[in-house]
């Protein structure tokens, strides 16, 4: 019998595969809580497996299911002989294999948990990528009832909650929200919302009690939202985005170091044009690569790398969220930030300010733009620290007493 994965219908398989691929690194763990929240998006683990070759076998078998489709029974038939051969089946008392002196039981129930958790979390991440692509026409999400026979009472409180796609609540409550959770969601248009008589859930009516304090294996306490199992209080799609940003940055660094500038440029433009970039701009977290310096520009400011990133804090300042620091430039849209690769690569004027800062002026999309790149001593990568529209007279005034590295003005 096929698994109940009906909520994956119409989901682009490539989204799910990319989400699972983002977890390509392996990490041994003894307790499931050794890796929490977003760590699961960047590394693959199975609790109480201490041997990397066995971990790789499980990862490879799940990767095959996610790419080609399949059922739990089919996956179990494939992986069980390898588990039995390795001794990871039944009552296991082998510290070299499990990383613990405890006797652990590996049975069908444990395999079902491994299968469903990994497949469903990858599907959830794939869904989030699709949600971001469609949010202009389907701007809301609605929490739907679980298909499980025994429904969690606290999850029932969330049935029918309707909020904008980028509302912070979805960063902790996007299903699944626990072991075996089969809650679902629907992406909703304004028209459908009106037709059904639904309304956006007011902030003071979003169900939920106080969070619970949980101490994972790391020993550092975390606060878990009410009704959510520890380890599930994060959005796998957003965590996947961090993995994508980190892996893209690493790939760009490797390409530029190898002299493959055209490959690096094409990769950068692909990721900046992807819906993943929209998601970062909607819910900034960590840093996102946005430009590539020339070797000469890197040398001028003694930058540690050529890849330029847009850090979360700078983007929040740009959005006007830090009024005590700067009014920012909240008028800029995603399409404006997508110009950054060209603004740095095809500048009209590049000026150096001090030992650590470059100022780029570029004509693009019918405007003159100014972008400032700085290499801080404490940062691994140079960063965009300011970006906005400018004017020709401002460009002339601001560069008058600076060292001009490039001038393409007629």
Protein backbone atom coordinates (compact mmCIF):
# COMPACT_ATOMS: atom_id res chain seq x y z
CA UNK A 1 0.00 0.00 0.00
CA UNK A 2 1.36 3.43 -0.90
CA UNK A 3 2.32 5.81 1.88
CA UNK A 4 -0.06 8.60 2.76
CA UNK A 5 1.95 11.40 1.19
CA UNK A 6 -0.95 12.96 -0.63
CA UNK A 7 0.06 16.44 0.32
CA UNK A 8 3.05 16.07 -2.04
CA UNK A 9 0.78 16.00 -5.11
CA UNK A 10 1.64 18.83 -7.57
CA UNK A 11 4.92 19.44 -5.71
CA UNK A 12 7.87 19.79 -8.07
CA UNK A 13 10.06 16.78 -7.23
CA UNK A 14 13.16 18.88 -7.86
CA UNK A 15 12.30 21.08 -4.88
CA UNK A 16 12.18 18.10 -2.55
CA UNK A 17 15.38 16.64 -3.99
CA UNK A 18 17.22 19.94 -3.53
CA UNK A 19 16.03 20.10 0.07
CA UNK A 20 17.34 16.61 0.79
CA UNK A 21 20.58 17.25 -1.13
CA UNK A 22 21.22 20.29 1.06
CA UNK A 23 21.70 17.84 3.93
CA UNK A 24 24.52 16.05 2.14
CA UNK A 25 27.04 16.22 5.00
CA UNK A 26 26.92 13.37 7.51
CA UNK A 27 26.97 13.78 11.28
CA UNK A 28 27.01 10.95 13.77
CA UNK A 29 24.73 11.37 16.78
CA UNK A 30 23.88 9.30 19.84
CA UNK A 31 20.79 11.21 20.93
CA UNK A 32 18.26 12.72 18.54
CA UNK A 33 18.53 16.05 20.41
CA UNK A 34 22.24 16.42 19.60
CA UNK A 35 21.10 18.14 16.42
CA UNK A 36 18.29 20.64 16.77
CA UNK A 37 16.16 22.69 14.41
CA UNK A 38 18.07 24.17 11.47
CA UNK A 39 21.01 21.81 11.93
CA UNK A 40 18.85 19.06 10.43
CA UNK A 41 18.62 21.08 7.22
CA UNK A 42 22.40 21.16 6.76
CA UNK A 43 23.45 17.72 7.97
CA UNK A 44 21.90 14.27 7.77
CA UNK A 45 21.81 12.19 10.94
CA UNK A 46 20.11 9.16 12.47
CA UNK A 47 20.19 8.95 16.25
CA UNK A 48 22.40 6.19 17.70
CA UNK A 49 24.40 5.54 14.57
CA UNK A 50 28.10 6.16 15.11
CA UNK A 51 29.45 4.63 11.87
CA UNK A 52 29.57 6.93 8.86
CA UNK A 53 29.41 4.11 6.31
CA UNK A 54 26.07 2.94 7.75
CA UNK A 55 24.83 6.52 7.87
CA UNK A 56 25.77 6.92 4.21
CA UNK A 57 23.86 3.76 3.30
CA UNK A 58 20.68 5.05 4.95
CA UNK A 59 21.11 8.48 3.36
CA UNK A 60 21.63 6.93 -0.08
CA UNK A 61 18.55 4.71 0.25
CA UNK A 62 16.35 7.64 1.33
CA UNK A 63 17.79 9.78 -1.45
CA UNK A 64 16.67 7.12 -3.91
CA UNK A 65 13.12 7.16 -2.50
CA UNK A 66 12.89 10.95 -2.63
CA UNK A 67 14.18 11.09 -6.22
CA UNK A 68 12.21 8.18 -7.67
CA UNK A 69 9.27 7.83 -5.30
CA UNK A 70 8.44 4.74 -3.30
CA UNK A 71 6.91 3.37 -0.12
CA UNK A 72 8.12 2.59 3.37
CA UNK A 73 7.87 -1.14 2.72
CA UNK A 74 9.94 -0.80 -0.44
CA UNK A 75 12.57 1.25 1.36
CA UNK A 76 12.68 -1.18 4.28
CA UNK A 77 13.20 -4.13 1.92
CA UNK A 78 16.19 -2.31 0.43
CA UNK A 79 17.86 -1.13 3.62
CA UNK A 80 17.08 -3.97 6.02
CA UNK A 81 19.70 -6.43 4.65
CA UNK A 82 22.39 -3.76 5.06
CA UNK A 83 21.28 -2.99 8.62
CA UNK A 84 21.26 -6.66 9.54
CA UNK A 85 24.68 -7.21 7.96
CA UNK A 86 26.08 -4.27 9.94
CA UNK A 87 24.49 -5.53 13.17
CA UNK A 88 22.16 -2.53 13.54
CA UNK A 89 18.94 -4.50 13.93
CA UNK A 90 17.08 -5.99 16.91
CA UNK A 91 18.70 -5.51 20.33
CA UNK A 92 22.00 -3.73 19.62
CA UNK A 93 24.72 -3.51 22.31
CA UNK A 94 27.75 -2.33 20.36
CA UNK A 95 29.27 0.99 21.40
CA UNK A 96 31.32 1.24 18.18
CA UNK A 97 28.09 1.01 16.22
CA UNK A 98 25.71 3.06 18.39
CA UNK A 99 28.04 5.42 20.24
CA UNK A 100 26.49 4.45 23.58
CA UNK A 101 26.77 1.70 26.18
CA UNK A 102 23.00 1.37 26.25
CA UNK A 103 21.22 -1.48 24.51
CA UNK A 104 18.98 0.00 21.85
CA UNK A 105 16.13 -1.62 19.99
CA UNK A 106 16.06 -1.21 16.22
CA UNK A 107 12.75 -2.44 14.85
CA UNK A 108 10.08 -1.56 12.31
CA UNK A 109 8.83 1.30 14.46
CA UNK A 110 12.28 2.93 14.55
CA UNK A 111 12.66 2.49 10.79
CA UNK A 112 9.22 4.02 10.22
CA UNK A 113 10.25 7.06 12.28
CA UNK A 114 13.50 7.47 10.32
CA UNK A 115 11.66 7.16 7.01
CA UNK A 116 8.71 9.43 7.70
CA UNK A 117 10.69 12.14 9.47
CA UNK A 118 13.28 12.48 6.69
CA UNK A 119 10.82 12.23 3.80
CA UNK A 120 8.24 14.54 5.34
CA UNK A 121 10.77 17.18 6.37
CA UNK A 122 12.22 17.19 2.84
CA UNK A 123 8.71 17.47 1.40
CA UNK A 124 7.94 20.34 3.79
CA UNK A 125 11.04 22.16 2.63
CA UNK A 126 10.08 21.56 -1.00
CA UNK A 127 6.60 22.89 -0.31
CA UNK A 128 8.07 26.06 1.19
CA UNK A 129 10.02 26.76 -1.98
CA UNK A 130 6.84 26.39 -4.03
CA UNK A 131 4.94 28.60 -1.55
CA UNK A 132 7.49 31.37 -2.01
CA UNK A 133 7.17 31.18 -5.80
CA UNK A 134 3.37 31.48 -5.62
CA UNK A 135 2.88 33.96 -2.82
CA UNK A 136 2.13 36.89 -5.16
CA UNK A 137 -1.10 35.19 -6.24
CA UNK A 138 -1.58 32.96 -3.16
CA UNK A 139 -0.48 35.22 -0.30
CA UNK A 140 -1.92 33.26 2.66
CA UNK A 141 -1.48 29.90 4.36
CA UNK A 142 -4.21 28.07 6.24
CA UNK A 143 -3.47 25.35 8.81
CA UNK A 144 -5.42 22.17 8.00
CA UNK A 145 -6.46 19.22 10.20
CA UNK A 146 -4.29 16.18 10.59
CA UNK A 147 -5.12 13.03 8.63
CA UNK A 148 -3.96 10.88 11.57
CA UNK A 149 -6.48 8.74 13.41
CA UNK A 150 -5.41 10.13 16.77
CA UNK A 151 -5.10 13.90 16.55
CA UNK A 152 -3.06 15.94 19.01
CA UNK A 153 -5.36 18.16 21.11
CA UNK A 154 -2.98 21.13 20.97
CA UNK A 155 -2.64 20.84 17.19
CA UNK A 156 -6.44 20.94 16.88
CA UNK A 157 -6.31 24.48 18.24
CA UNK A 158 -4.42 25.56 15.13
CA UNK A 159 -6.90 24.15 12.62
CA UNK A 160 -8.14 27.02 10.49
CA UNK A 161 -5.46 29.55 11.46
CA UNK A 162 -4.98 31.75 8.39
CA UNK A 163 -2.00 34.10 8.13
CA UNK A 164 0.18 35.72 5.45
CA UNK A 165 2.86 33.44 4.01
CA UNK A 166 5.68 35.42 5.60
CA UNK A 167 4.08 35.75 9.02
CA UNK A 168 6.60 34.76 11.76
CA UNK A 169 4.15 32.13 13.12
CA UNK A 170 4.92 29.89 10.14
CA UNK A 171 8.59 29.90 11.11
CA UNK A 172 7.74 27.66 14.06
CA UNK A 173 4.37 26.12 13.15
CA UNK A 174 4.71 25.05 9.52
CA UNK A 175 3.83 21.31 9.55
CA UNK A 176 4.99 18.74 10.44
CA UNK A 177 5.13 19.78 14.10
CA UNK A 178 6.10 16.54 15.80
CA UNK A 179 6.93 12.88 15.42
CA UNK A 180 4.26 11.36 13.17
CA UNK A 181 2.45 14.70 12.79
CA UNK A 182 0.18 14.59 9.72
CA UNK A 183 -1.16 18.13 9.92
CA UNK A 184 -1.37 19.86 6.56
CA UNK A 185 -1.75 23.34 5.07
CA UNK A 186 -3.35 25.11 2.11
CA UNK A 187 -2.05 28.11 0.22
CA UNK A 188 -4.93 30.53 -0.29
CA UNK A 189 -5.72 33.44 -2.60
CA UNK A 190 -7.58 36.61 -1.62
CA UNK A 191 -10.47 35.52 -3.83
CA UNK A 192 -10.81 32.10 -2.21
CA UNK A 193 -10.57 33.65 1.23
CA UNK A 194 -13.47 36.01 0.46
CA UNK A 195 -15.51 33.25 -1.21
CA UNK A 196 -15.18 31.00 1.84
CA UNK A 197 -15.83 33.81 4.29
CA UNK A 198 -12.45 33.30 5.94
CA UNK A 199 -10.52 36.13 7.55
CA UNK A 200 -6.92 36.56 8.59
CA UNK A 201 -6.49 35.38 12.18
CA UNK A 202 -5.95 38.41 14.46
CA UNK A 203 -2.65 38.44 16.35
CA UNK A 204 -4.37 38.20 19.72
CA UNK A 205 -6.39 35.18 18.59
CA UNK A 206 -3.54 32.96 17.39
CA UNK A 207 -3.79 29.93 19.71
CA UNK A 208 -0.83 29.00 21.87
CA UNK A 209 0.37 28.89 25.42
CA UNK A 210 3.78 29.74 26.89
CA UNK A 211 6.79 27.93 25.42
CA UNK A 212 8.40 25.00 27.20
CA UNK A 213 12.04 24.97 28.29
CA UNK A 214 13.92 22.01 26.81
CA UNK A 215 17.54 21.00 27.34
CA UNK A 216 18.97 19.15 24.31
CA UNK A 217 22.13 17.06 24.35
CA UNK A 218 24.25 20.19 23.82
CA UNK A 219 23.24 21.33 27.30
CA UNK A 220 22.11 24.77 26.10
CA UNK A 221 18.41 25.28 26.94
CA UNK A 222 16.02 26.22 24.15
CA UNK A 223 12.41 27.37 24.29
CA UNK A 224 10.01 25.11 22.40
CA UNK A 225 6.63 26.55 21.24
CA UNK A 226 3.59 25.16 23.03
CA UNK A 227 2.28 22.01 21.35
CA UNK A 228 5.36 21.36 19.19
CA UNK A 229 7.71 18.44 19.77
CA UNK A 230 11.31 19.43 20.59
CA UNK A 231 13.31 19.41 17.37
CA UNK A 232 10.34 20.44 15.21
CA UNK A 233 9.98 24.09 16.22
CA UNK A 234 11.49 25.46 13.01
CA UNK A 235 10.53 25.89 9.38
CA UNK A 236 12.46 23.35 7.29
CA UNK A 237 12.07 25.54 4.23
CA UNK A 238 13.78 28.51 5.84
CA UNK A 239 16.45 26.28 7.34
CA UNK A 240 16.93 24.81 3.86
CA UNK A 241 17.46 28.35 2.55
CA UNK A 242 20.35 28.82 4.99
CA UNK A 243 21.84 25.60 3.68
CA UNK A 244 21.41 26.81 0.08
CA UNK A 245 23.01 30.19 0.87
CA UNK A 246 25.95 28.56 2.66
CA UNK A 247 26.53 25.98 -0.05
CA UNK A 248 26.21 28.58 -2.82
CA UNK A 249 28.74 30.81 -1.07
CA UNK A 250 31.13 27.88 -0.67
CA UNK A 251 30.71 26.95 -4.36
CA UNK A 252 31.34 30.54 -5.47
CA UNK A 253 34.47 30.76 -3.33
CA UNK A 254 35.79 27.52 -4.77
CA UNK A 255 35.03 28.61 -8.35
CA UNK A 256 36.73 32.01 -8.02
CA UNK A 257 39.72 30.44 -6.28
CA UNK A 258 40.05 28.06 -9.25
CA UNK A 259 39.82 30.92 -11.76
CA UNK A 260 36.38 29.82 -12.98
CA UNK A 261 34.91 33.31 -12.99
CA UNK A 262 32.28 32.63 -15.67
CA UNK A 263 30.98 29.63 -13.73
CA UNK A 264 30.88 31.66 -10.52
CA UNK A 265 29.03 34.51 -12.24
CA UNK A 266 26.44 32.18 -13.78
CA UNK A 267 25.88 30.43 -10.44
CA UNK A 268 25.46 33.72 -8.62
CA UNK A 269 22.92 35.04 -11.12
CA UNK A 270 20.96 31.80 -10.98
CA UNK A 271 20.60 31.89 -7.18
CA UNK A 272 19.77 35.62 -7.09
CA UNK A 273 17.02 35.09 -9.67
CA UNK A 274 15.65 32.08 -7.73
CA UNK A 275 12.64 32.31 -5.37
CA UNK A 276 15.11 31.43 -2.60
CA UNK A 277 16.35 35.02 -2.83
CA UNK A 278 12.78 36.34 -2.38
CA UNK A 279 12.47 34.17 0.70
CA UNK A 280 15.68 35.60 2.15
CA UNK A 281 14.43 39.12 1.55
CA UNK A 282 11.08 38.29 3.18
CA UNK A 283 12.65 36.61 6.21
CA UNK A 284 16.35 37.52 6.28
CA UNK A 285 18.51 35.05 8.16
CA UNK A 286 22.29 34.76 7.98
CA UNK A 287 23.92 36.18 4.81
CA UNK A 288 23.24 35.78 1.11
CA UNK A 289 25.82 36.08 -1.71
CA UNK A 290 25.01 38.97 -4.06
CA UNK A 291 28.14 40.02 -5.96
CA UNK A 292 31.70 39.11 -6.96
CA UNK A 293 34.68 41.48 -6.76
CA UNK A 294 37.41 41.51 -9.38
CA UNK A 295 40.87 40.41 -8.19
CA UNK A 296 42.00 44.05 -8.35
CA UNK A 297 39.08 45.21 -6.21
CA UNK A 298 39.78 42.42 -3.72
CA UNK A 299 43.40 43.55 -3.43
CA UNK A 300 42.47 47.22 -3.06
CA UNK A 301 40.55 46.66 0.18
CA UNK A 302 42.48 43.55 1.24
CA UNK A 303 39.30 41.52 1.13
CA UNK A 304 39.65 37.98 2.43
CA UNK A 305 37.52 36.63 -0.45
CA UNK A 306 35.97 37.94 -3.67
CA UNK A 307 32.41 36.88 -2.81
CA UNK A 308 30.28 39.76 -1.50
CA UNK A 309 27.35 38.99 0.80
CA UNK A 310 24.29 40.87 2.02
CA UNK A 311 24.19 40.23 5.79
CA UNK A 312 20.93 39.97 7.69
CA UNK A 313 21.67 42.99 9.90
CA UNK A 314 22.49 45.22 6.92
CA UNK A 315 19.36 44.19 5.06
CA UNK A 316 17.23 44.86 8.14
CA UNK A 317 18.81 48.32 8.29
CA UNK A 318 18.05 48.77 4.59
CA UNK A 319 14.39 47.87 5.24
CA UNK A 320 14.16 50.60 7.88
CA UNK A 321 13.92 48.24 10.85
CA UNK A 322 16.74 50.02 12.70
CA UNK A 323 15.58 53.66 12.74
CA UNK A 324 18.07 54.62 15.47
CA UNK A 325 20.88 53.57 13.13
CA UNK A 326 19.49 54.64 9.75
CA UNK A 327 16.24 55.45 7.99
CA UNK A 328 17.27 52.82 5.49
CA UNK A 329 15.74 52.41 2.05
CA UNK A 330 12.44 50.58 2.51
CA UNK A 331 11.33 51.71 -0.95
CA UNK A 332 13.62 49.14 -2.60
CA UNK A 333 12.02 45.95 -3.91
CA UNK A 334 13.37 42.45 -4.54
CA UNK A 335 13.95 43.27 -8.21
CA UNK A 336 16.21 46.15 -7.14
CA UNK A 337 18.39 43.86 -5.01
CA UNK A 338 18.61 41.46 -7.94
CA UNK A 339 20.62 44.16 -9.72
CA UNK A 340 23.53 43.86 -7.27
CA UNK A 341 25.59 41.37 -9.35
CA UNK A 342 25.49 43.80 -12.30
CA UNK A 343 26.05 46.89 -10.15
CA UNK A 344 29.36 45.47 -8.94
CA UNK A 345 30.36 43.70 -12.18
CA UNK A 346 29.46 46.52 -14.62
CA UNK A 347 30.11 49.68 -12.64
CA UNK A 348 30.29 53.11 -14.21
CA UNK A 349 32.60 54.36 -11.46
CA UNK A 350 34.43 52.52 -8.69
CA UNK A 351 36.03 54.60 -5.95
CA UNK A 352 38.02 53.53 -2.91
CA UNK A 353 37.28 55.09 0.47
CA UNK A 354 39.91 54.31 3.07
CA UNK A 355 41.54 50.91 3.26
CA UNK A 356 38.43 48.79 3.55
CA UNK A 357 35.65 50.28 1.42
CA UNK A 358 34.68 50.43 -2.26
CA UNK A 359 31.89 52.59 -3.68
CA UNK A 360 30.20 51.45 -6.89
CA UNK A 361 28.06 53.73 -9.08
CA UNK A 362 26.23 51.95 -11.89
CA UNK A 363 23.53 52.70 -14.46
CA UNK A 364 20.99 49.88 -14.38
CA UNK A 365 17.26 49.51 -15.04
CA UNK A 366 16.88 53.22 -15.83
CA UNK A 367 18.50 54.46 -12.61
CA UNK A 368 21.90 55.40 -11.23
CA UNK A 369 22.69 53.17 -8.25
CA UNK A 370 25.19 53.39 -5.42
CA UNK A 371 26.44 50.31 -3.58
CA UNK A 372 29.08 50.31 -0.85
CA UNK A 373 31.17 47.20 -0.14
CA UNK A 374 33.25 46.96 3.03
CA UNK A 375 35.67 44.36 4.37
CA UNK A 376 35.46 44.35 8.17
CA UNK A 377 38.34 42.79 10.05
CA UNK A 378 35.87 40.63 11.97
CA UNK A 379 34.02 39.37 8.88
CA UNK A 380 35.02 36.41 6.73
CA UNK A 381 33.58 37.95 3.57
CA UNK A 382 33.22 41.51 2.26
CA UNK A 383 29.68 42.80 2.61
CA UNK A 384 27.24 45.24 1.08
CA UNK A 385 26.76 47.91 3.77
CA UNK A 386 24.67 50.41 1.77
CA UNK A 387 22.61 50.27 -1.40
CA UNK A 388 20.24 52.85 -2.93
CA UNK A 389 19.43 55.00 -5.93
CA UNK A 390 21.68 58.00 -6.55
CA UNK A 391 22.13 60.97 -8.90
CA UNK A 392 24.95 62.07 -11.20
CA UNK A 393 25.74 65.19 -9.17
CA UNK A 394 25.86 63.12 -5.99
CA UNK A 395 28.27 60.71 -7.66
CA UNK A 396 30.53 63.59 -8.69
CA UNK A 397 30.50 65.14 -5.22
CA UNK A 398 31.02 61.90 -3.33
CA UNK A 399 33.94 60.69 -5.44
CA UNK A 400 35.76 64.03 -5.83
CA UNK A 401 38.37 63.38 -3.14
CA UNK A 402 38.51 59.58 -3.39
CA UNK A 403 40.86 57.25 -5.24
CA UNK A 404 39.18 56.33 -8.53
CA UNK A 405 39.80 52.71 -9.51
CA UNK A 406 37.50 52.70 -12.55
CA UNK A 407 35.85 55.52 -14.51
CA UNK A 408 33.72 54.68 -17.55
CA UNK A 409 32.00 58.09 -17.77
CA UNK A 410 32.06 59.61 -21.22
